[in-house]
Amino acid sequence: MAERSRSLSIDGNSLSLADVENIALDSARVKLSTHARRQMRKSRDMIHKLVSSDQVIYGVNTGFGKLAEVKISSDNLKNLQINLIRSHACAVGTPFPQSVVRAMLLLRANVLAKAHAGCRPKLVDQILALLNHAIHPLIPSQGSVGASGDLAPLAHLALVLLGEGHAWYQNELLPGNLALEKAGLQPISLQAKEGLALINGTQATCAVATLSLLRAARLIDASDTLCAMTVEGLKGTDRAFDPGVHAIRPHPGQTESARRILYLLQGSEIRESHRGCLKVQDAYSLRCAPQVHGAVRDALAHCKKILEIEINSATDNPLVFEDGRVISGGNFHGAPIGLVLDYLCAGLTDLASISERRLARLIDTNCSNLPAFLTADAGLNSGYMMMQVTAASLVSECKTLSHPASCDSIPTSAGQEDHVSMSTWAARKLAQVTENLEYVLAAEYLASAQAIEFHRPLRSSPPIEKAIRMLRQKIPRLKQDRPLTPDLQAAAGLLSKLGQMQTCT
C-alpha cells in the first residue's frame, strides 16, 4: 500500500489512485487548490451571465432527461436543483462501506474542481468538509445504471450537503442536519446548476473500482508467492520459469510473474532434493502460472490506466468551457470504465480458478504424495478437505459474477436515456470477486505452508520460509481438526505482506 499523506490539495487534474485509497482509508485533510478555486469562480460567472440572459440551458433552467424541453422560470431555479436531488435519491440495497463513501466524496470534489461544472467553490468546500469531519453519508449501493452517471448514489451523497438524508458521524447514524450540526457545519443552499453538478458522473463506479483494483494488485503479487510455495509443497520443477521461455513470448505480465516465481525458488533445499527425479513437467496450474498470472497483471495495468484518466476527467453535463460555450455531451457515460472492469473481473476469476486447482492438488494424496487432505491422521481428521470445498464454491461464484455487465443496457427516462453502461454493477461485481479471490488465495497459503512442513527437515528458500514463519505467528500448524474460518480470515489479512516478498533486488 502507498504511504498515506496527511494532507491533499485537489485541482481536478492530478489525483492519483493511491491518493483515493489513502483518503478512503485515513482521515487526512483535503483542500481545494488556489488555482482550482480561481478557475471555478470564472466558470460560475459564466453560468450567472447565461442565466441572466434568459438563454435556455439544459439542467440550469430546464427540466431533466425527458423533461429537458420544459422551461423553468427564474424564480424556481433553486427549487429545481433541490427537487432534482430529492427525486433522484432512490437507491436501495446494502449501503456502501465507509471507505467507498469517502472515495466518492473525494472523487466528486475533484471532478467539480476541474471547473467545467459551473458551480461555486463553496460546493466543493462543503463536500470536503464532510470528508475532513468524517461525516459519511448513508449511500445505498443499488440503483445506478452508469448513465447519466451514478445519479442515485450521488444524490444520496448530495442530500447530506443540504442537511437531509442520513450520515454516520462519530459511530452514530444521524439525520443529515444533525450530523452537520454536531460537526459545527451548516447545510448548503443550492443555486442554479449545482444540483446537477453534484450527481452527473461516474464517481460511485470509480470509488468502488479504485479500491478493488489496488486490492487486486496486491493479490496478484501474493499469487506469485503462493504459486512458488505450492511448487515447493508438490516438489515441482522450476524449469518452466526459466527466463528464456518467457523472453520468446514477451508479454510484460508473464515475464514479471515468471521472474518473481523463479526468484522465490532460489536456494531451496526441497528443490535440490529432487532435481534428478524423472518428473519432466508439472500440471498446468503450476507450469502455466506465469502465463495466467501475467495475463491478469496486464489486464490490471490496462484497467489502471483507464481509471487514472477517469478520476481526473470532467463527467458533468452540461459542460462549461472558458470560451463561454455550454455543451450537453455524454462524458457521464460509464462505458470506458465498465468495459475494463468486466475485463479485470474475468481476469481475477481466472486467478482464483488456477489457485483453487493448485489447492486441490495439494490436498489430493494421489497428486501430492503427501498425507490425504494434509492431515497426519486422515479419517479421524478431515484436515483441509472442506477448505477446498469453500474455495471451489467461491470460484464458481466468481464465474457467475464474471458475466459482463457492460454488454447489457436497458432504456431509462422514457427512452431519452436509451443506452446505458451498467458500469456501477461492473464495479460492484469486481469488488465481490476481489474479496472471493482473497479467500481462495488464503486457502492456498494455508495448504502450501502445511505441505512444505511435511518435507521437514528440508527447508525451502529464505523468502518462502519467511512467509511460513509469518503465517505461523498468527496460525498454528493444523495437527487436528478445528474450525477453519478464523484461519482463513487471518491468512487473508497477511496476503498484502506476502506479495512484498517477491521483490527482486
Protein backbone atom coordinates (compact mmCIF):
# COMPACT_ATOMS: atom_id res chain seq x y z
CA MET A 1 0.00 0.00 0.00
CA ALA A 2 1.23 3.51 -0.80
CA GLU A 3 2.37 5.62 2.13
CA ARG A 4 -0.51 7.74 3.40
CA SER A 5 -0.10 11.50 3.28
CA ARG A 6 -1.57 13.71 5.98
CA SER A 7 -2.99 16.33 3.61
CA LEU A 8 -4.00 16.63 -0.02
CA SER A 9 -4.75 19.55 -2.32
CA ILE A 10 -7.05 18.78 -5.25
CA ASP A 11 -7.20 20.60 -8.57
CA GLY A 12 -9.22 18.25 -10.79
CA ASN A 13 -6.21 17.13 -12.77
CA SER A 14 -3.59 15.44 -10.60
CA LEU A 15 -5.38 12.98 -8.32
CA SER A 16 -3.78 9.52 -8.19
CA LEU A 17 -5.35 6.17 -7.43
CA ALA A 18 -3.10 5.98 -4.36
CA ASP A 19 -4.49 9.34 -3.21
CA VAL A 20 -8.01 7.95 -3.45
CA GLU A 21 -7.10 4.91 -1.38
CA ASN A 22 -5.24 6.97 1.20
CA ILE A 23 -8.17 9.31 1.77
CA ALA A 24 -10.64 6.43 1.71
CA LEU A 25 -8.78 4.59 4.47
CA ASP A 26 -7.46 7.50 6.51
CA SER A 27 -8.54 10.86 7.91
CA ALA A 28 -6.01 13.05 6.10
CA ARG A 29 -7.33 16.53 5.34
CA VAL A 30 -8.24 17.60 1.81
CA LYS A 31 -8.47 21.13 0.43
CA LEU A 32 -9.23 22.83 -2.87
CA SER A 33 -6.16 24.30 -4.57
CA THR A 34 -5.96 28.06 -5.06
CA HIS A 35 -5.74 27.69 -8.84
CA ALA A 36 -8.80 25.43 -8.99
CA ARG A 37 -10.76 27.85 -6.79
CA ARG A 38 -9.96 30.69 -9.20
CA GLN A 39 -10.96 28.65 -12.25
CA MET A 40 -14.21 27.59 -10.62
CA ARG A 41 -15.15 31.21 -9.96
CA LYS A 42 -14.66 32.01 -13.65
CA SER A 43 -16.83 29.07 -14.65
CA ARG A 44 -19.51 30.14 -12.18
CA ASP A 45 -19.51 33.68 -13.55
CA MET A 46 -20.36 32.30 -16.99
CA ILE A 47 -23.40 30.48 -15.57
CA HIS A 48 -24.55 33.70 -13.89
CA LYS A 49 -24.31 35.58 -17.18
CA LEU A 50 -26.18 32.90 -19.10
CA VAL A 51 -28.97 32.71 -16.52
CA SER A 52 -29.28 36.50 -16.56
CA SER A 53 -29.59 36.48 -20.35
CA ASP A 54 -32.50 34.03 -20.11
CA GLN A 55 -30.76 31.66 -22.53
CA VAL A 56 -32.13 28.13 -22.36
CA ILE A 57 -29.52 25.78 -20.83
CA TYR A 58 -30.17 22.15 -20.05
CA GLY A 59 -30.36 21.46 -16.32
CA VAL A 60 -29.99 25.13 -15.44
CA ASN A 61 -33.39 26.44 -16.46
CA THR A 62 -34.94 23.31 -17.96
CA GLY A 63 -36.20 20.00 -16.61
CA PHE A 64 -34.06 16.87 -16.73
CA GLY A 65 -33.88 13.84 -19.02
CA LYS A 66 -37.13 13.50 -20.97
CA LEU A 67 -38.27 16.78 -19.34
CA ALA A 68 -35.40 18.74 -20.91
CA GLU A 69 -37.81 20.72 -23.08
CA VAL A 70 -39.73 22.09 -20.10
CA LYS A 71 -38.58 25.66 -19.42
CA ILE A 72 -38.29 26.59 -15.71
CA SER A 73 -38.98 30.14 -14.53
CA SER A 74 -36.15 32.08 -12.89
CA ASP A 75 -37.86 32.17 -9.51
CA ASN A 76 -37.89 28.35 -9.42
CA LEU A 77 -34.26 27.65 -10.36
CA LYS A 78 -33.16 26.90 -6.78
CA ASN A 79 -36.17 24.67 -6.16
CA LEU A 80 -35.38 22.87 -9.40
CA GLN A 81 -31.97 21.84 -8.06
CA ILE A 82 -33.30 20.75 -4.67
CA ASN A 83 -36.09 18.74 -6.28
CA LEU A 84 -33.54 17.07 -8.53
CA ILE A 85 -31.52 15.80 -5.56
CA ARG A 86 -34.58 14.65 -3.63
CA SER A 87 -36.20 12.88 -6.58
CA HIS A 88 -33.01 11.09 -7.60
CA ALA A 89 -32.21 9.81 -4.08
CA CYS A 90 -33.95 6.49 -4.64
CA ALA A 91 -31.12 3.97 -4.37
CA VAL A 92 -31.71 0.74 -2.43
CA GLY A 93 -29.77 -2.17 -1.00
CA THR A 94 -26.81 -2.59 1.31
CA PRO A 95 -25.08 0.76 1.91
CA PHE A 96 -21.61 1.29 0.53
CA PRO A 97 -18.88 0.85 3.17
CA GLN A 98 -17.27 3.92 4.71
CA SER A 99 -14.14 3.59 2.56
CA VAL A 100 -16.18 3.73 -0.65
CA VAL A 101 -18.21 6.71 0.60
CA ARG A 102 -15.01 8.62 1.42
CA ALA A 103 -13.63 7.82 -2.02
CA MET A 104 -16.88 9.04 -3.61
CA LEU A 105 -16.70 12.34 -1.72
CA LEU A 106 -13.11 12.91 -2.81
CA LEU A 107 -13.76 11.97 -6.43
CA ARG A 108 -16.85 14.16 -6.73
CA ALA A 109 -15.00 17.13 -5.24
CA ASN A 110 -12.13 16.54 -7.67
CA VAL A 111 -14.44 16.48 -10.70
CA LEU A 112 -16.02 19.78 -9.69
CA ALA A 113 -12.54 21.23 -9.12
CA LYS A 114 -11.90 20.90 -12.87
CA ALA A 115 -14.15 23.96 -13.25
CA HIS A 116 -16.31 22.60 -16.06
CA ALA A 117 -19.44 22.16 -13.93
CA GLY A 118 -20.21 25.85 -13.41
CA CYS A 119 -20.67 25.56 -9.64
CA ARG A 120 -19.29 27.67 -6.79
CA PRO A 121 -16.09 26.71 -4.97
CA LYS A 122 -18.29 26.72 -1.87
CA LEU A 123 -19.89 23.48 -3.09
CA VAL A 124 -16.51 21.71 -3.16
CA ASP A 125 -15.70 23.17 0.25
CA GLN A 126 -18.90 21.62 1.61
CA ILE A 127 -18.03 18.20 0.17
CA LEU A 128 -14.54 18.39 1.61
CA ALA A 129 -15.97 19.46 4.96
CA LEU A 130 -17.80 16.13 5.12
CA LEU A 131 -14.52 14.34 4.42
CA ASN A 132 -12.49 16.39 6.87
CA HIS A 133 -15.05 15.99 9.66
CA ALA A 134 -15.57 12.27 8.92
CA ILE A 135 -19.25 12.71 8.12
CA HIS A 136 -20.13 9.75 5.92
CA PRO A 137 -23.46 9.87 4.04
CA LEU A 138 -25.55 6.71 4.03
CA ILE A 139 -25.48 5.69 0.35
CA PRO A 140 -27.36 2.56 -0.76
CA SER A 141 -25.34 0.60 -3.31
CA GLN A 142 -28.04 -0.34 -5.86
CA GLY A 143 -29.81 1.94 -8.30
CA SER A 144 -27.29 3.23 -10.84
CA VAL A 145 -27.18 2.18 -14.49
CA GLY A 146 -23.95 4.08 -15.11
CA ALA A 147 -25.51 6.86 -17.26
CA SER A 148 -26.20 9.74 -16.75
CA GLY A 149 -23.53 8.65 -14.38
CA ASP A 150 -24.22 7.37 -10.89
CA LEU A 151 -27.28 9.53 -10.35
CA ALA A 152 -28.98 7.75 -7.45
CA PRO A 153 -25.92 7.06 -5.26
CA LEU A 154 -24.58 10.59 -5.79
CA ALA A 155 -27.98 12.06 -4.92
CA HIS A 156 -27.81 10.34 -1.53
CA LEU A 157 -24.37 11.88 -1.06
CA ALA A 158 -25.74 15.29 -2.03
CA LEU A 159 -28.69 15.09 0.39
CA VAL A 160 -26.38 15.35 3.39
CA LEU A 161 -24.80 18.52 1.99
CA LEU A 162 -28.30 20.02 2.15
CA GLY A 163 -28.88 18.82 5.71
CA GLU A 164 -31.14 15.98 4.54
CA GLY A 165 -30.72 12.21 4.23
CA HIS A 166 -28.67 10.33 6.80
CA ALA A 167 -24.98 10.11 7.65
CA TRP A 168 -22.63 8.36 10.03
CA TYR A 169 -20.85 10.69 12.43
CA GLN A 170 -18.77 9.52 15.40
CA ASN A 171 -20.11 5.96 15.07
CA GLU A 172 -23.73 7.14 15.12
CA LEU A 173 -26.21 7.15 12.23
CA LEU A 174 -27.93 10.54 12.28
CA PRO A 175 -30.26 12.62 10.11
CA GLY A 176 -28.15 14.78 7.82
CA ASN A 177 -28.96 18.04 9.59
CA LEU A 178 -27.94 16.64 12.99
CA ALA A 179 -24.69 15.22 11.63
CA LEU A 180 -23.79 18.65 10.23
CA GLU A 181 -24.85 20.41 13.42
CA LYS A 182 -22.77 18.16 15.66
CA ALA A 183 -19.74 18.81 13.46
CA GLY A 184 -20.34 22.56 13.55
CA LEU A 185 -21.35 22.79 9.89
CA GLN A 186 -24.30 24.43 8.12
CA PRO A 187 -26.34 22.98 5.22
CA ILE A 188 -25.59 24.50 1.85
CA SER A 189 -28.25 26.20 -0.26
CA LEU A 190 -28.01 25.15 -3.89
CA GLN A 191 -28.02 27.65 -6.72
CA ALA A 192 -28.67 27.20 -10.45
CA LYS A 193 -26.92 24.17 -12.00
CA GLU A 194 -25.42 22.98 -8.69
CA GLY A 195 -27.77 20.08 -8.03
CA LEU A 196 -26.99 18.67 -11.44
CA ALA A 197 -23.29 19.30 -10.84
CA LEU A 198 -23.44 17.03 -7.81
CA ILE A 199 -24.92 13.93 -9.43
CA ASN A 200 -23.73 13.66 -13.05
CA GLY A 201 -20.67 11.43 -13.18
CA THR A 202 -19.05 8.08 -12.55
CA GLN A 203 -17.83 8.60 -9.02
CA ALA A 204 -19.62 5.66 -7.35
CA THR A 205 -18.24 3.38 -10.05
CA CYS A 206 -14.75 4.84 -9.74
CA ALA A 207 -14.74 4.73 -5.94
CA VAL A 208 -15.56 1.03 -5.84
CA ALA A 209 -13.30 0.27 -8.80
CA THR A 210 -10.25 2.11 -7.46
CA LEU A 211 -10.31 0.41 -4.08
CA SER A 212 -10.90 -3.00 -5.67
CA LEU A 213 -8.17 -2.53 -8.27
CA LEU A 214 -5.50 -1.61 -5.73
CA ARG A 215 -6.53 -4.50 -3.52
CA ALA A 216 -6.39 -6.81 -6.53
CA ALA A 217 -2.90 -5.59 -7.44
CA ARG A 218 -1.61 -6.78 -4.08
CA LEU A 219 -3.38 -10.12 -4.51
CA ILE A 220 -1.71 -10.68 -7.88
CA ASP A 221 1.66 -10.22 -6.20
CA ALA A 222 0.63 -12.66 -3.47
CA SER A 223 -0.44 -15.20 -6.11
CA ASP A 224 3.11 -15.47 -7.40
CA THR A 225 4.40 -16.19 -3.90
CA LEU A 226 1.70 -18.79 -3.36
CA CYS A 227 2.47 -20.50 -6.64
CA ALA A 228 6.12 -20.80 -5.60
CA MET A 229 5.05 -22.23 -2.24
CA THR A 230 2.80 -24.79 -3.91
CA VAL A 231 5.60 -25.77 -6.32
CA GLU A 232 7.68 -26.50 -3.23
CA GLY A 233 4.89 -28.36 -1.46
CA LEU A 234 4.35 -30.59 -4.50
CA LYS A 235 8.07 -30.95 -5.24
CA GLY A 236 7.61 -29.35 -8.62
CA THR A 237 10.25 -28.11 -11.02
CA ASP A 238 11.46 -24.56 -11.59
CA ARG A 239 12.32 -25.15 -15.26
CA ALA A 240 9.05 -23.65 -16.55
CA PHE A 241 10.07 -20.30 -15.06
CA ASP A 242 13.35 -20.08 -16.96
CA PRO A 243 13.79 -16.54 -18.39
CA GLY A 244 14.48 -17.95 -21.84
CA VAL A 245 10.99 -19.42 -22.05
CA HIS A 246 9.37 -16.06 -21.43
CA ALA A 247 11.80 -13.98 -23.49
CA ILE A 248 10.40 -15.56 -26.66
CA ARG A 249 6.80 -14.70 -25.66
CA PRO A 250 7.49 -11.32 -24.06
CA HIS A 251 4.18 -10.27 -22.56
CA PRO A 252 5.14 -7.91 -19.73
CA GLY A 253 2.98 -9.52 -17.05
CA GLN A 254 4.09 -13.03 -17.95
CA THR A 255 7.74 -12.03 -17.80
CA GLU A 256 7.26 -10.36 -14.44
CA SER A 257 5.42 -13.26 -12.80
CA ALA A 258 7.95 -15.81 -14.08
CA ARG A 259 10.81 -13.69 -12.75
CA ARG A 260 9.18 -13.39 -9.34
CA ILE A 261 8.35 -17.08 -9.00
CA LEU A 262 11.84 -18.15 -10.08
CA TYR A 263 13.41 -15.72 -7.63
CA LEU A 264 11.37 -17.19 -4.78
CA LEU A 265 12.55 -20.72 -5.53
CA GLN A 266 16.26 -19.92 -5.41
CA GLY A 267 18.21 -21.54 -2.57
CA SER A 268 15.62 -24.19 -1.75
CA GLU A 269 16.80 -27.47 -0.21
CA ILE A 270 13.49 -29.03 -1.23
CA ARG A 271 14.12 -28.23 -4.90
CA GLU A 272 17.66 -29.61 -4.75
CA SER A 273 16.46 -32.82 -3.11
CA HIS A 274 14.59 -33.97 -6.22
CA ARG A 275 16.48 -32.29 -9.04
CA GLY A 276 17.46 -35.66 -10.52
CA CYS A 277 13.96 -37.18 -10.41
CA LEU A 278 12.19 -38.49 -13.50
CA LYS A 279 9.37 -35.92 -13.44
CA VAL A 280 9.63 -33.94 -16.69
CA GLN A 281 6.86 -31.38 -16.28
CA ASP A 282 4.22 -30.26 -13.82
CA ALA A 283 0.48 -29.76 -14.20
CA TYR A 284 -0.73 -26.63 -15.95
CA SER A 285 -1.74 -24.93 -12.71
CA LEU A 286 1.96 -24.78 -11.79
CA ARG A 287 3.71 -24.77 -15.17
CA CYS A 288 1.42 -22.17 -16.77
CA ALA A 289 1.17 -19.89 -13.75
CA PRO A 290 3.29 -17.10 -15.32
CA GLN A 291 1.09 -17.10 -18.39
CA VAL A 292 -2.13 -16.91 -16.34
CA HIS A 293 -0.90 -14.60 -13.58
CA GLY A 294 0.81 -12.45 -16.20
CA ALA A 295 -2.34 -12.07 -18.27
CA VAL A 296 -4.14 -10.81 -15.18
CA ARG A 297 -1.26 -8.41 -14.47
CA ASP A 298 -1.62 -6.99 -17.97
CA ALA A 299 -5.40 -6.68 -17.61
CA LEU A 300 -4.95 -4.82 -14.34
CA ALA A 301 -2.36 -2.49 -15.88
CA HIS A 302 -4.81 -1.57 -18.66
CA CYS A 303 -7.64 -1.04 -16.20
CA LYS A 304 -5.39 1.13 -14.03
CA LYS A 305 -4.54 3.35 -16.99
CA ILE A 306 -8.24 3.90 -17.76
CA LEU A 307 -9.13 4.67 -14.14
CA GLU A 308 -6.26 7.14 -13.83
CA ILE A 309 -7.77 9.06 -16.74
CA GLU A 310 -11.33 8.79 -15.46
CA ILE A 311 -10.77 10.11 -11.93
CA ASN A 312 -9.35 13.34 -13.38
CA SER A 313 -11.97 13.76 -16.11
CA ALA A 314 -14.94 16.13 -16.38
CA THR A 315 -18.01 13.87 -16.30
CA ASP A 316 -20.65 16.53 -15.72
CA ASN A 317 -23.42 17.58 -18.10
CA PRO A 318 -23.72 20.17 -19.48
CA LEU A 319 -20.06 21.22 -19.56
CA VAL A 320 -18.95 24.82 -19.20
CA PHE A 321 -15.91 25.98 -21.21
CA GLU A 322 -13.66 29.03 -20.78
CA ASP A 323 -14.80 30.49 -24.09
CA GLY A 324 -18.39 30.68 -22.84
CA ARG A 325 -19.75 27.59 -24.54
CA VAL A 326 -22.08 25.34 -22.57
CA ILE A 327 -22.35 21.94 -24.25
CA SER A 328 -24.54 18.95 -23.47
CA GLY A 329 -22.43 15.87 -24.10
CA GLY A 330 -22.06 12.33 -22.80
CA ASN A 331 -18.99 12.28 -20.57
CA PHE A 332 -21.10 10.84 -17.77
CA HIS A 333 -21.46 7.55 -19.65
CA GLY A 334 -19.62 4.74 -17.85
CA ALA A 335 -18.72 2.62 -20.90
CA PRO A 336 -14.95 3.33 -20.80
CA ILE A 337 -14.67 2.01 -17.26
CA GLY A 338 -17.45 -0.59 -17.32
CA LEU A 339 -15.71 -2.48 -20.13
CA VAL A 340 -12.31 -2.66 -18.44
CA LEU A 341 -13.82 -3.55 -15.06
CA ASP A 342 -15.51 -6.54 -16.67
CA TYR A 343 -12.15 -7.45 -18.23
CA LEU A 344 -10.41 -7.31 -14.85
CA CYS A 345 -13.26 -9.20 -13.18
CA ALA A 346 -12.76 -12.08 -15.62
CA GLY A 347 -9.01 -11.96 -15.03
CA LEU A 348 -9.34 -12.19 -11.25
CA THR A 349 -11.74 -15.09 -11.66
CA ASP A 350 -9.09 -16.91 -13.69
CA LEU A 351 -6.58 -16.16 -10.94
CA ALA A 352 -8.91 -17.65 -8.34
CA SER A 353 -9.52 -20.65 -10.59
CA ILE A 354 -5.85 -21.55 -11.03
CA SER A 355 -5.20 -21.06 -7.31
CA GLU A 356 -8.04 -23.42 -6.41
CA ARG A 357 -6.63 -26.05 -8.80
CA ARG A 358 -3.25 -25.85 -7.06
CA LEU A 359 -5.01 -26.17 -3.72
CA ALA A 360 -6.86 -29.26 -4.99
CA ARG A 361 -3.56 -30.90 -5.94
CA LEU A 362 -2.09 -30.15 -2.52
CA ILE A 363 -4.86 -31.99 -0.65
CA ASP A 364 -5.07 -34.91 -3.10
CA THR A 365 -2.63 -37.59 -1.95
CA ASN A 366 -2.55 -39.03 -5.47
CA CYS A 367 -1.11 -35.77 -6.79
CA SER A 368 0.99 -34.69 -3.84
CA ASN A 369 2.35 -37.92 -2.33
CA LEU A 370 1.54 -36.25 0.98
CA PRO A 371 -0.98 -37.35 3.61
CA ALA A 372 -4.57 -37.04 2.38
CA PHE A 373 -6.03 -33.58 2.97
CA LEU A 374 -2.69 -32.59 4.55
CA THR A 375 -3.52 -34.15 7.89
CA ALA A 376 -1.38 -36.76 9.62
CA ASP A 377 -4.35 -38.79 10.85
CA ALA A 378 -6.74 -38.75 7.91
CA GLY A 379 -10.05 -40.38 8.64
CA LEU A 380 -10.20 -39.34 12.24
CA ASN A 381 -9.35 -35.87 10.96
CA SER A 382 -10.67 -34.29 7.74
CA GLY A 383 -7.84 -31.76 7.53
CA TYR A 384 -8.25 -29.29 4.71
CA MET A 385 -10.99 -31.24 2.90
CA MET A 386 -13.72 -28.63 3.39
CA MET A 387 -11.39 -25.69 2.85
CA GLN A 388 -11.04 -26.78 -0.77
CA VAL A 389 -14.84 -27.09 -0.99
CA THR A 390 -15.18 -23.49 0.22
CA ALA A 391 -12.60 -22.35 -2.34
CA ALA A 392 -14.44 -24.23 -5.09
CA SER A 393 -17.68 -22.53 -4.07
CA LEU A 394 -16.08 -19.09 -4.23
CA VAL A 395 -14.54 -19.77 -7.64
CA SER A 396 -17.88 -20.90 -9.02
CA GLU A 397 -19.48 -17.73 -7.66
CA CYS A 398 -16.76 -15.69 -9.36
CA LYS A 399 -17.51 -17.37 -12.67
CA THR A 400 -21.14 -16.30 -12.45
CA LEU A 401 -20.16 -12.78 -11.43
CA SER A 402 -17.80 -12.59 -14.42
CA HIS A 403 -20.70 -12.39 -16.85
CA PRO A 404 -20.08 -8.90 -18.26
CA ALA A 405 -22.25 -6.06 -17.08
CA SER A 406 -21.09 -3.69 -19.81
CA CYS A 407 -22.74 -5.64 -22.65
CA ASP A 408 -26.14 -5.02 -21.06
CA SER A 409 -28.30 -1.93 -21.46
CA ILE A 410 -31.86 -1.02 -20.58
CA PRO A 411 -33.59 2.22 -21.68
CA THR A 412 -34.48 4.74 -18.94
CA SER A 413 -36.11 8.16 -18.66
CA ALA A 414 -38.91 7.41 -21.13
CA GLY A 415 -36.37 6.42 -23.78
CA GLN A 416 -34.33 9.64 -23.64
CA GLU A 417 -31.50 7.77 -21.93
CA ASP A 418 -31.78 4.78 -24.23
CA HIS A 419 -28.30 3.25 -23.92
CA VAL A 420 -26.65 2.91 -20.53
CA SER A 421 -23.37 1.36 -19.33
CA MET A 422 -24.12 -0.65 -16.17
CA SER A 423 -20.64 0.36 -15.06
CA THR A 424 -21.63 0.58 -11.40
CA TRP A 425 -22.71 -3.04 -11.39
CA ALA A 426 -19.43 -3.93 -13.12
CA ALA A 427 -17.57 -2.25 -10.25
CA ARG A 428 -19.68 -3.89 -7.56
CA LYS A 429 -19.14 -7.33 -9.13
CA LEU A 430 -15.42 -6.65 -9.26
CA ALA A 431 -15.41 -5.85 -5.55
CA GLN A 432 -17.10 -9.17 -4.72
CA VAL A 433 -14.79 -11.18 -7.00
CA THR A 434 -11.78 -9.49 -5.39
CA GLU A 435 -12.98 -10.49 -1.94
CA ASN A 436 -13.65 -14.05 -3.09
CA LEU A 437 -10.19 -14.24 -4.63
CA GLU A 438 -8.65 -13.15 -1.35
CA TYR A 439 -10.17 -16.11 0.48
CA VAL A 440 -9.20 -18.60 -2.24
CA LEU A 441 -5.60 -17.39 -2.03
CA ALA A 442 -5.74 -17.57 1.76
CA ALA A 443 -6.70 -21.23 1.43
CA GLU A 444 -3.73 -21.91 -0.84
CA TYR A 445 -1.49 -20.12 1.65
CA LEU A 446 -2.59 -22.39 4.49
CA ALA A 447 -2.33 -25.57 2.45
CA SER A 448 1.02 -24.82 0.79
CA ALA A 449 2.65 -23.94 4.11
CA GLN A 450 1.33 -27.17 5.65
CA ALA A 451 2.61 -29.17 2.66
CA ILE A 452 6.11 -27.69 2.86
CA GLU A 453 6.27 -28.55 6.54
CA PHE A 454 5.69 -32.23 5.69
CA HIS A 455 9.08 -32.11 3.91
CA ARG A 456 11.00 -31.25 7.06
CA PRO A 457 13.87 -31.26 7.88
CA LEU A 458 14.38 -29.91 4.35
CA ARG A 459 13.98 -26.14 4.08
CA SER A 460 12.58 -24.06 1.28
CA SER A 461 14.09 -20.78 0.08
CA PRO A 462 14.67 -17.95 2.59
CA PRO A 463 11.70 -15.82 1.41
CA ILE A 464 9.31 -18.79 1.42
CA GLU A 465 10.49 -19.80 4.89
CA LYS A 466 9.82 -16.22 5.96
CA ALA A 467 6.29 -16.49 4.54
CA ILE A 468 5.71 -19.65 6.58
CA ARG A 469 7.02 -18.03 9.78
CA MET A 470 4.74 -15.05 9.19
CA LEU A 471 1.77 -17.40 8.89
CA ARG A 472 2.71 -19.42 11.95
CA GLN A 473 2.90 -16.28 14.08
CA LYS A 474 -0.85 -15.99 13.53
CA ILE A 475 -2.00 -19.55 12.84
CA PRO A 476 -0.60 -22.80 14.32
CA ARG A 477 0.03 -25.81 12.13
CA LEU A 478 -3.11 -27.93 11.66
CA LYS A 479 -2.47 -31.09 13.69
CA GLN A 480 -6.07 -31.96 14.48
CA ASP A 481 -9.37 -30.62 13.19
CA ARG A 482 -10.59 -27.18 14.25
CA PRO A 483 -12.90 -24.56 12.72
CA LEU A 484 -11.02 -23.07 9.77
CA THR A 485 -12.90 -19.82 9.21
CA PRO A 486 -10.65 -17.90 11.66
CA ASP A 487 -7.58 -19.37 9.93
CA LEU A 488 -8.82 -18.24 6.52
CA GLN A 489 -9.57 -14.75 7.81
CA ALA A 490 -6.16 -14.41 9.43
CA ALA A 491 -4.35 -15.74 6.35
CA ALA A 492 -6.29 -13.34 4.11
CA GLY A 493 -5.09 -10.48 6.27
CA LEU A 494 -1.46 -11.43 5.56
CA LEU A 495 -1.66 -11.53 1.77
CA SER A 496 -0.54 -7.94 1.22
CA LYS A 497 2.69 -8.62 3.11
CA LEU A 498 3.06 -11.92 1.32
CA GLY A 499 3.17 -10.21 -2.06
CA GLN A 500 6.02 -7.97 -0.94
CA MET A 501 8.30 -10.99 -0.59
CA GLN A 502 8.64 -11.24 -4.35
CA THR A 503 10.66 -8.06 -4.76
CA CYS A 504 13.92 -8.88 -6.55
CA THR A 505 16.92 -6.68 -5.89
